[in-house]
PDB file of N, CA and C in Angstrom:
ATOM      1  N   MET A   1     -15.777  -9.330  21.741  1.00  0.00           N
ATOM      2  CA  MET A   1     -14.715  -9.078  20.796  1.00  0.00           C
ATOM      3  C   MET A   1     -15.319  -8.503  19.510  1.00  0.00           C
ATOM      4  N   PRO A   2     -14.844  -7.325  19.045  1.00  0.00           N
ATOM      5  CA  PRO A   2     -15.427  -6.736  17.842  1.00  0.00           C
ATOM      6  C   PRO A   2     -15.080  -7.554  16.605  1.00  0.00           C
ATOM      7  N   ARG A   3     -16.044  -7.613  15.700  1.00  0.00           N
ATOM      8  CA  ARG A   3     -15.825  -8.325  14.447  1.00  0.00           C
ATOM      9  C   ARG A   3     -15.086  -7.405  13.488  1.00  0.00           C
ATOM     10  N   THR A   4     -14.128  -7.973  12.764  1.00  0.00           N
ATOM     11  CA  THR A   4     -13.418  -7.187  11.773  1.00  0.00           C
ATOM     12  C   THR A   4     -13.681  -7.771  10.399  1.00  0.00           C
ATOM     13  N   SER A   5     -13.603  -6.926   9.423  1.00  0.00           N
ATOM     14  CA  SER A   5     -13.832  -7.342   8.044  1.00  0.00           C
ATOM     15  C   SER A   5     -12.656  -8.172   7.551  1.00  0.00           C
ATOM     16  N   PRO A   6     -12.930  -9.238   6.752  1.00  0.00           N
ATOM     17  CA  PRO A   6     -11.821  -9.988   6.158  1.00  0.00           C
ATOM     18  C   PRO A   6     -10.953  -9.088   5.281  1.00  0.00           C
ATOM     19  N   ARG A   7     -11.526  -7.998   4.799  1.00  0.00           N
ATOM     20  CA  ARG A   7     -10.792  -7.042   3.969  1.00  0.00           C
ATOM     21  C   ARG A   7      -9.606  -6.456   4.726  1.00  0.00           C
ATOM     22  N   ASN A   8      -9.682  -6.423   6.038  1.00  0.00           N
ATOM     23  CA  ASN A   8      -8.612  -5.838   6.841  1.00  0.00           C
ATOM     24  C   ASN A   8      -7.431  -6.779   7.040  1.00  0.00           C
ATOM     25  N   HIS A   9      -7.580  -8.050   6.713  1.00  0.00           N
ATOM     26  CA  HIS A   9      -6.530  -9.020   6.989  1.00  0.00           C
ATOM     27  C   HIS A   9      -5.750  -9.424   5.752  1.00  0.00           C
ATOM     28  N   GLY A  10      -6.156  -9.009   4.580  1.00  0.00           N
ATOM     29  CA  GLY A  10      -5.529  -9.452   3.350  1.00  0.00           C
ATOM     30  C   GLY A  10      -4.336  -8.610   2.933  1.00  0.00           C
ATOM     31  N   LEU A  11      -3.878  -8.855   1.722  1.00  0.00           N
ATOM     32  CA  LEU A  11      -2.725  -8.163   1.172  1.00  0.00           C
ATOM     33  C   LEU A  11      -3.055  -6.764   0.668  1.00  0.00           C
ATOM     34  N   PHE A  12      -4.335  -6.468   0.469  1.00  0.00           N
ATOM     35  CA  PHE A  12      -4.774  -5.161  -0.024  1.00  0.00           C
ATOM     36  C   PHE A  12      -5.780  -4.557   0.951  1.00  0.00           C
ATOM     37  N   PRO A  13      -5.330  -4.169   2.164  1.00  0.00           N
ATOM     38  CA  PRO A  13      -6.273  -3.646   3.158  1.00  0.00           C
ATOM     39  C   PRO A  13      -6.883  -2.313   2.732  1.00  0.00           C
ATOM     40  N   CYS A  14      -8.050  -2.025   3.297  1.00  0.00           N
ATOM     41  CA  CYS A  14      -8.722  -0.765   3.007  1.00  0.00           C
ATOM     42  C   CYS A  14      -7.922   0.409   3.587  1.00  0.00           C
ATOM     43  N   LYS A  15      -8.289   1.627   3.168  1.00  0.00           N
ATOM     44  CA  LYS A  15      -7.569   2.829   3.602  1.00  0.00           C
ATOM     45  C   LYS A  15      -7.538   2.962   5.122  1.00  0.00           C
ATOM     46  N   ALA A  16      -8.672   2.690   5.751  1.00  0.00           N
ATOM     47  CA  ALA A  16      -8.746   2.825   7.207  1.00  0.00           C
ATOM     48  C   ALA A  16      -7.831   1.820   7.898  1.00  0.00           C
ATOM     49  N   GLU A  17      -7.722   0.616   7.338  1.00  0.00           N
ATOM     50  CA  GLU A  17      -6.858  -0.401   7.936  1.00  0.00           C
ATOM     51  C   GLU A  17      -5.388  -0.051   7.745  1.00  0.00           C
ATOM     52  N   VAL A  18      -5.040   0.483   6.583  1.00  0.00           N
ATOM     53  CA  VAL A  18      -3.660   0.938   6.370  1.00  0.00           C
ATOM     54  C   VAL A  18      -3.324   2.013   7.399  1.00  0.00           C
ATOM     55  N   ALA A  19      -4.223   2.956   7.579  1.00  0.00           N
ATOM     56  CA  ALA A  19      -4.012   4.018   8.572  1.00  0.00           C
ATOM     57  C   ALA A  19      -3.820   3.414   9.964  1.00  0.00           C
ATOM     58  N   ARG A  20      -4.665   2.459  10.334  1.00  0.00           N
ATOM     59  CA  ARG A  20      -4.557   1.832  11.655  1.00  0.00           C
ATOM     60  C   ARG A  20      -3.211   1.139  11.824  1.00  0.00           C
ATOM     61  N   ARG A  21      -2.780   0.384  10.787  1.00  0.00           N
ATOM     62  CA  ARG A  21      -1.504  -0.330  10.868  1.00  0.00           C
ATOM     63  C   ARG A  21      -0.328   0.624  11.000  1.00  0.00           C
ATOM     64  N   LEU A  22      -0.501   1.863  10.545  1.00  0.00           N
ATOM     65  CA  LEU A  22       0.567   2.856  10.624  1.00  0.00           C
ATOM     66  C   LEU A  22       0.363   3.828  11.784  1.00  0.00           C
ATOM     67  N   SER A  23      -0.500   3.447  12.717  1.00  0.00           N
ATOM     68  CA  SER A  23      -0.764   4.248  13.926  1.00  0.00           C
ATOM     69  C   SER A  23      -1.274   5.646  13.597  1.00  0.00           C
ATOM     70  N   GLN A  24      -2.152   5.730  12.586  1.00  0.00           N
ATOM     71  CA  GLN A  24      -2.749   6.990  12.165  1.00  0.00           C
ATOM     72  C   GLN A  24      -4.267   6.849  12.181  1.00  0.00           C
ATOM     73  N   THR A  25      -4.950   7.965  12.281  1.00  0.00           N
ATOM     74  CA  THR A  25      -6.385   7.941  12.037  1.00  0.00           C
ATOM     75  C   THR A  25      -6.566   8.086  10.525  1.00  0.00           C
ATOM     76  N   PRO A  26      -7.708   7.654   9.973  1.00  0.00           N
ATOM     77  CA  PRO A  26      -7.922   7.860   8.540  1.00  0.00           C
ATOM     78  C   PRO A  26      -7.796   9.327   8.128  1.00  0.00           C
ATOM     79  N   THR A  27      -8.241  10.238   8.983  1.00  0.00           N
ATOM     80  CA  THR A  27      -8.150  11.667   8.685  1.00  0.00           C
ATOM     81  C   THR A  27      -6.695  12.130   8.640  1.00  0.00           C
ATOM     82  N   GLU A  28      -5.876  11.645   9.572  1.00  0.00           N
ATOM     83  CA  GLU A  28      -4.457  12.003   9.584  1.00  0.00           C
ATOM     84  C   GLU A  28      -3.731  11.393   8.382  1.00  0.00           C
ATOM     85  N   TRP A  29      -4.089  10.160   8.036  1.00  0.00           N
ATOM     86  CA  TRP A  29      -3.379   9.408   7.009  1.00  0.00           C
ATOM     87  C   TRP A  29      -3.596   9.962   5.602  1.00  0.00           C
ATOM     88  N   LYS A  30      -4.790  10.427   5.291  1.00  0.00           N
ATOM     89  CA  LYS A  30      -5.124  10.840   3.918  1.00  0.00           C
ATOM     90  C   LYS A  30      -4.138  11.864   3.339  1.00  0.00           C
ATOM     91  N   PRO A  31      -3.878  12.999   3.987  1.00  0.00           N
ATOM     92  CA  PRO A  31      -2.934  13.958   3.390  1.00  0.00           C
ATOM     93  C   PRO A  31      -1.488  13.450   3.414  1.00  0.00           C
ATOM     94  N   LYS A  32      -1.157  12.664   4.421  1.00  0.00           N
ATOM     95  CA  LYS A  32       0.198  12.117   4.500  1.00  0.00           C
ATOM     96  C   LYS A  32       0.445  11.136   3.356  1.00  0.00           C
ATOM     97  N   ALA A  33      -0.559  10.328   3.026  1.00  0.00           N
ATOM     98  CA  ALA A  33      -0.420   9.354   1.944  1.00  0.00           C
ATOM     99  C   ALA A  33      -0.137  10.065   0.623  1.00  0.00           C
ATOM    100  N   LYS A  34      -0.815  11.177   0.376  1.00  0.00           N
ATOM    101  CA  LYS A  34      -0.596  11.931  -0.865  1.00  0.00           C
ATOM    102  C   LYS A  34       0.847  12.413  -0.958  1.00  0.00           C
ATOM    103  N   ILE A  35       1.385  12.910   0.133  1.00  0.00           N
ATOM    104  CA  ILE A  35       2.773  13.382   0.152  1.00  0.00           C
ATOM    105  C   ILE A  35       3.729  12.200  -0.035  1.00  0.00           C
ATOM    106  N   LEU A  36       3.496  11.109   0.693  1.00  0.00           N
ATOM    107  CA  LEU A  36       4.393   9.959   0.627  1.00  0.00           C
ATOM    108  C   LEU A  36       4.353   9.280  -0.742  1.00  0.00           C
ATOM    109  N   GLU A  37       3.220   9.325  -1.437  1.00  0.00           N
ATOM    110  CA  GLU A  37       3.141   8.763  -2.790  1.00  0.00           C
ATOM    111  C   GLU A  37       4.121   9.450  -3.729  1.00  0.00           C
ATOM    112  N   ARG A  38       4.347  10.749  -3.531  1.00  0.00           N
ATOM    113  CA  ARG A  38       5.314  11.477  -4.367  1.00  0.00           C
ATOM    114  C   ARG A  38       6.736  11.015  -4.108  1.00  0.00           C
ATOM    115  N   HIS A  39       6.934  10.329  -2.975  1.00  0.00           N
ATOM    116  CA  HIS A  39       8.265   9.849  -2.606  1.00  0.00           C
ATOM    117  C   HIS A  39       8.375   8.332  -2.706  1.00  0.00           C
ATOM    118  N   GLY A  40       7.398   7.695  -3.354  1.00  0.00           N
ATOM    119  CA  GLY A  40       7.509   6.265  -3.618  1.00  0.00           C
ATOM    120  C   GLY A  40       6.556   5.342  -2.896  1.00  0.00           C
ATOM    121  N   LEU A  41       5.705   5.855  -2.031  1.00  0.00           N
ATOM    122  CA  LEU A  41       4.719   4.987  -1.385  1.00  0.00           C
ATOM    123  C   LEU A  41       3.851   4.349  -2.466  1.00  0.00           C
ATOM    124  N   PRO A  42       3.661   3.034  -2.446  1.00  0.00           N
ATOM    125  CA  PRO A  42       2.827   2.401  -3.472  1.00  0.00           C
ATOM    126  C   PRO A  42       1.421   3.001  -3.495  1.00  0.00           C
ATOM    127  N   ARG A  43       0.953   3.250  -4.692  1.00  0.00           N
ATOM    128  CA  ARG A  43      -0.394   3.795  -4.869  1.00  0.00           C
ATOM    129  C   ARG A  43      -1.427   2.688  -4.715  1.00  0.00           C
ATOM    130  N   ILE A  44      -2.676   3.070  -4.587  1.00  0.00           N
ATOM    131  CA  ILE A  44      -3.774   2.107  -4.511  1.00  0.00           C
ATOM    132  C   ILE A  44      -3.885   1.411  -5.858  1.00  0.00           C
ATOM    133  N   ASP A  45      -3.866   0.091  -5.850  1.00  0.00           N
ATOM    134  CA  ASP A  45      -4.004  -0.688  -7.073  1.00  0.00           C
ATOM    135  C   ASP A  45      -5.453  -0.588  -7.535  1.00  0.00           C
ATOM    136  N   PRO A  46      -5.699  -0.095  -8.763  1.00  0.00           N
ATOM    137  CA  PRO A  46      -7.083   0.101  -9.197  1.00  0.00           C
ATOM    138  C   PRO A  46      -7.869  -1.207  -9.329  1.00  0.00           C
ATOM    139  N   LEU A  47      -7.205  -2.283  -9.655  1.00  0.00           N
ATOM    140  CA  LEU A  47      -7.897  -3.566  -9.798  1.00  0.00           C
ATOM    141  C   LEU A  47      -8.263  -4.148  -8.436  1.00  0.00           C
ATOM    142  N   MET A  48      -7.329  -4.070  -7.495  1.00  0.00           N
ATOM    143  CA  MET A  48      -7.541  -4.692  -6.191  1.00  0.00           C
ATOM    144  C   MET A  48      -8.206  -3.754  -5.186  1.00  0.00           C
ATOM    145  N   GLY A  49      -8.146  -2.458  -5.417  1.00  0.00           N
ATOM    146  CA  GLY A  49      -8.825  -1.502  -4.548  1.00  0.00           C
ATOM    147  C   GLY A  49      -8.113  -1.194  -3.251  1.00  0.00           C
ATOM    148  N   GLY A  50      -6.820  -1.438  -3.194  1.00  0.00           N
ATOM    149  CA  GLY A  50      -6.058  -1.136  -1.985  1.00  0.00           C
ATOM    150  C   GLY A  50      -4.576  -1.091  -2.288  1.00  0.00           C
ATOM    151  N   ARG A  51      -3.800  -0.704  -1.300  1.00  0.00           N
ATOM    152  CA  ARG A  51      -2.340  -0.703  -1.436  1.00  0.00           C
ATOM    153  C   ARG A  51      -1.830  -2.105  -1.089  1.00  0.00           C
ATOM    154  N   TYR A  52      -0.892  -2.610  -1.887  1.00  0.00           N
ATOM    155  CA  TYR A  52      -0.315  -3.927  -1.625  1.00  0.00           C
ATOM    156  C   TYR A  52       0.530  -3.814  -0.362  1.00  0.00           C
ATOM    157  N   TRP A  53       0.076  -4.429   0.720  1.00  0.00           N
ATOM    158  CA  TRP A  53       0.677  -4.223   2.029  1.00  0.00           C
ATOM    159  C   TRP A  53       2.155  -4.570   2.097  1.00  0.00           C
ATOM    160  N   PRO A  54       2.625  -5.704   1.527  1.00  0.00           N
ATOM    161  CA  PRO A  54       4.071  -5.961   1.581  1.00  0.00           C
ATOM    162  C   PRO A  54       4.894  -4.850   0.922  1.00  0.00           C
ATOM    163  N   ALA A  55       4.375  -4.227  -0.124  1.00  0.00           N
ATOM    164  CA  ALA A  55       5.091  -3.122  -0.771  1.00  0.00           C
ATOM    165  C   ALA A  55       5.087  -1.882   0.118  1.00  0.00           C
ATOM    166  N   VAL A  56       4.002  -1.669   0.858  1.00  0.00           N
ATOM    167  CA  VAL A  56       3.952  -0.546   1.805  1.00  0.00           C
ATOM    168  C   VAL A  56       5.006  -0.759   2.891  1.00  0.00           C
ATOM    169  N   GLN A  57       5.087  -1.966   3.423  1.00  0.00           N
ATOM    170  CA  GLN A  57       6.100  -2.259   4.434  1.00  0.00           C
ATOM    171  C   GLN A  57       7.503  -2.070   3.874  1.00  0.00           C
ATOM    172  N   ALA A  58       7.731  -2.544   2.643  1.00  0.00           N
ATOM    173  CA  ALA A  58       9.043  -2.398   2.007  1.00  0.00           C
ATOM    174  C   ALA A  58       9.388  -0.918   1.829  1.00  0.00           C
ATOM    175  N   TYR A  59       8.391  -0.102   1.456  1.00  0.00           N
ATOM    176  CA  TYR A  59       8.616   1.335   1.306  1.00  0.00           C
ATOM    177  C   TYR A  59       9.125   1.936   2.620  1.00  0.00           C
ATOM    178  N   PHE A  60       8.444   1.632   3.722  1.00  0.00           N
ATOM    179  CA  PHE A  60       8.861   2.202   5.004  1.00  0.00           C
ATOM    180  C   PHE A  60      10.192   1.618   5.462  1.00  0.00           C
ATOM    181  N   ASP A  61      10.465   0.358   5.162  1.00  0.00           N
ATOM    182  CA  ASP A  61      11.780  -0.215   5.489  1.00  0.00           C
ATOM    183  C   ASP A  61      12.887   0.553   4.760  1.00  0.00           C
ATOM    184  N   ARG A  62      12.681   0.856   3.476  1.00  0.00           N
ATOM    185  CA  ARG A  62      13.667   1.632   2.724  1.00  0.00           C
ATOM    186  C   ARG A  62      13.780   3.048   3.280  1.00  0.00           C
ATOM    187  N   ARG A  63      12.642   3.641   3.592  1.00  0.00           N
ATOM    188  CA  ARG A  63      12.622   5.023   4.091  1.00  0.00           C
ATOM    189  C   ARG A  63      13.444   5.158   5.376  1.00  0.00           C
ATOM    190  N   TYR A  64      13.428   4.127   6.182  1.00  0.00           N
ATOM    191  CA  TYR A  64      14.134   4.176   7.462  1.00  0.00           C
ATOM    192  C   TYR A  64      15.432   3.376   7.454  1.00  0.00           C
ATOM    193  N   GLY A  65      15.936   3.089   6.240  1.00  0.00           N
ATOM    194  CA  GLY A  65      17.256   2.482   6.113  1.00  0.00           C
ATOM    195  C   GLY A  65      17.350   1.018   6.480  1.00  0.00           C
ATOM    196  N   LEU A  66      16.247   0.300   6.457  1.00  0.00           N
ATOM    197  CA  LEU A  66      16.271  -1.113   6.828  1.00  0.00           C
ATOM    198  C   LEU A  66      16.367  -2.038   5.620  1.00  0.00           C
ATOM    199  N   SER A  67      16.326  -1.487   4.415  1.00  0.00           N
ATOM    200  CA  SER A  67      16.382  -2.315   3.216  1.00  0.00           C
ATOM    201  C   SER A  67      16.901  -1.482   2.062  1.00  0.00           C
ATOM    202  N   THR A  68      17.515  -2.155   1.111  1.00  0.00           N
ATOM    203  CA  THR A  68      17.969  -1.472  -0.097  1.00  0.00           C
ATOM    204  C   THR A  68      17.251  -2.002  -1.331  1.00  0.00           C
ATOM    205  N   VAL A  69      16.266  -2.860  -1.140  1.00  0.00           N
ATOM    206  CA  VAL A  69      15.521  -3.441  -2.248  1.00  0.00           C
ATOM    207  C   VAL A  69      14.532  -2.411  -2.780  1.00  0.00           C
ATOM    208  N   GLU A  70      14.503  -2.219  -4.091  1.00  0.00           N
ATOM    209  CA  GLU A  70      13.562  -1.297  -4.718  1.00  0.00           C
ATOM    210  C   GLU A  70      12.310  -2.051  -5.148  1.00  0.00           C
ATOM    211  N   VAL A  71      11.143  -1.513  -4.843  1.00  0.00           N
ATOM    212  CA  VAL A  71       9.871  -2.086  -5.263  1.00  0.00           C
ATOM    213  C   VAL A  71       9.402  -1.305  -6.476  1.00  0.00           C
ATOM    214  N   ILE A  72       9.010  -2.027  -7.536  1.00  0.00           N
ATOM    215  CA  ILE A  72       8.528  -1.339  -8.726  1.00  0.00           C
ATOM    216  C   ILE A  72       7.022  -1.507  -8.841  1.00  0.00           C
ATOM    217  N   ALA A  73       6.381  -0.501  -9.402  1.00  0.00           N
ATOM    218  CA  ALA A  73       4.932  -0.550  -9.600  1.00  0.00           C
ATOM    219  C   ALA A  73       4.617  -1.326 -10.874  1.00  0.00           C
ATOM    220  N   PRO A  74       3.452  -1.975 -10.930  1.00  0.00           N
ATOM    221  CA  PRO A  74       3.051  -2.633 -12.176  1.00  0.00           C
ATOM    222  C   PRO A  74       3.064  -1.612 -13.311  1.00  0.00           C
ATOM    223  N   ASP A  75       3.526  -2.032 -14.496  1.00  0.00           N
ATOM    224  CA  ASP A  75       3.656  -1.100 -15.611  1.00  0.00           C
ATOM    225  C   ASP A  75       2.478  -1.128 -16.576  1.00  0.00           C
ATOM    226  N   GLY A  76       1.428  -1.821 -16.243  1.00  0.00           N
ATOM    227  CA  GLY A  76       0.252  -1.859 -17.095  1.00  0.00           C
ATOM    228  C   GLY A  76      -0.270  -3.265 -17.289  1.00  0.00           C
ATOM    229  N   THR A  77      -1.260  -3.391 -18.151  1.00  0.00           N
ATOM    230  CA  THR A  77      -1.895  -4.675 -18.416  1.00  0.00           C
ATOM    231  C   THR A  77      -0.997  -5.523 -19.308  1.00  0.00           C
ATOM    232  N   GLU A  78      -0.900  -6.796 -18.984  1.00  0.00           N
ATOM    233  CA  GLU A  78      -0.114  -7.720 -19.812  1.00  0.00           C
ATOM    234  C   GLU A  78      -0.891  -8.101 -21.057  1.00  0.00           C
ATOM    235  N   ASN A  79      -0.195  -8.212 -22.189  1.00  0.00           N
ATOM    236  CA  ASN A  79      -0.806  -8.638 -23.445  1.00  0.00           C
ATOM    237  C   ASN A  79      -0.173  -9.967 -23.841  1.00  0.00           C
ATOM    238  N   LEU A  80      -0.816 -11.055 -23.456  1.00  0.00           N
ATOM    239  CA  LEU A  80      -0.275 -12.391 -23.715  1.00  0.00           C
ATOM    240  C   LEU A  80      -0.417 -12.811 -25.185  1.00  0.00           C
ATOM    241  N   ASP A  81      -1.208 -12.074 -25.963  1.00  0.00           N
ATOM    242  CA  ASP A  81      -1.356 -12.395 -27.391  1.00  0.00           C
ATOM    243  C   ASP A  81      -0.067 -12.108 -28.169  1.00  0.00           C
ATOM    244  N   VAL A  82       0.821 -11.309 -27.600  1.00  0.00           N
ATOM    245  CA  VAL A  82       2.060 -10.950 -28.263  1.00  0.00           C
ATOM    246  C   VAL A  82       3.029 -12.141 -28.296  1.00  0.00           C
ATOM    247  N   LEU A  83       2.893 -13.028 -27.351  1.00  0.00           N
ATOM    248  CA  LEU A  83       3.826 -14.165 -27.240  1.00  0.00           C
ATOM    249  C   LEU A  83       3.714 -15.108 -28.394  1.00  0.00           C
TER     250      LEU A  83
END
């Protein structure tokens, strides 16, 4: 049984794992991801280093009419000193 990285099982999978989960090769997925990002596909979170998988699933559910819930992207760093 091949060993898989724990990175592939979490909420922020690597690019290759996202491609695999979407039945794509990494080469096929790369240009498609750029196009889909313009239509709302969640971008790679710079802090976590991957796309938040539940948001990716929600994006495709909306795209195919299975949900009406809108997912919003983080709007920046929180400043708790303001409170």
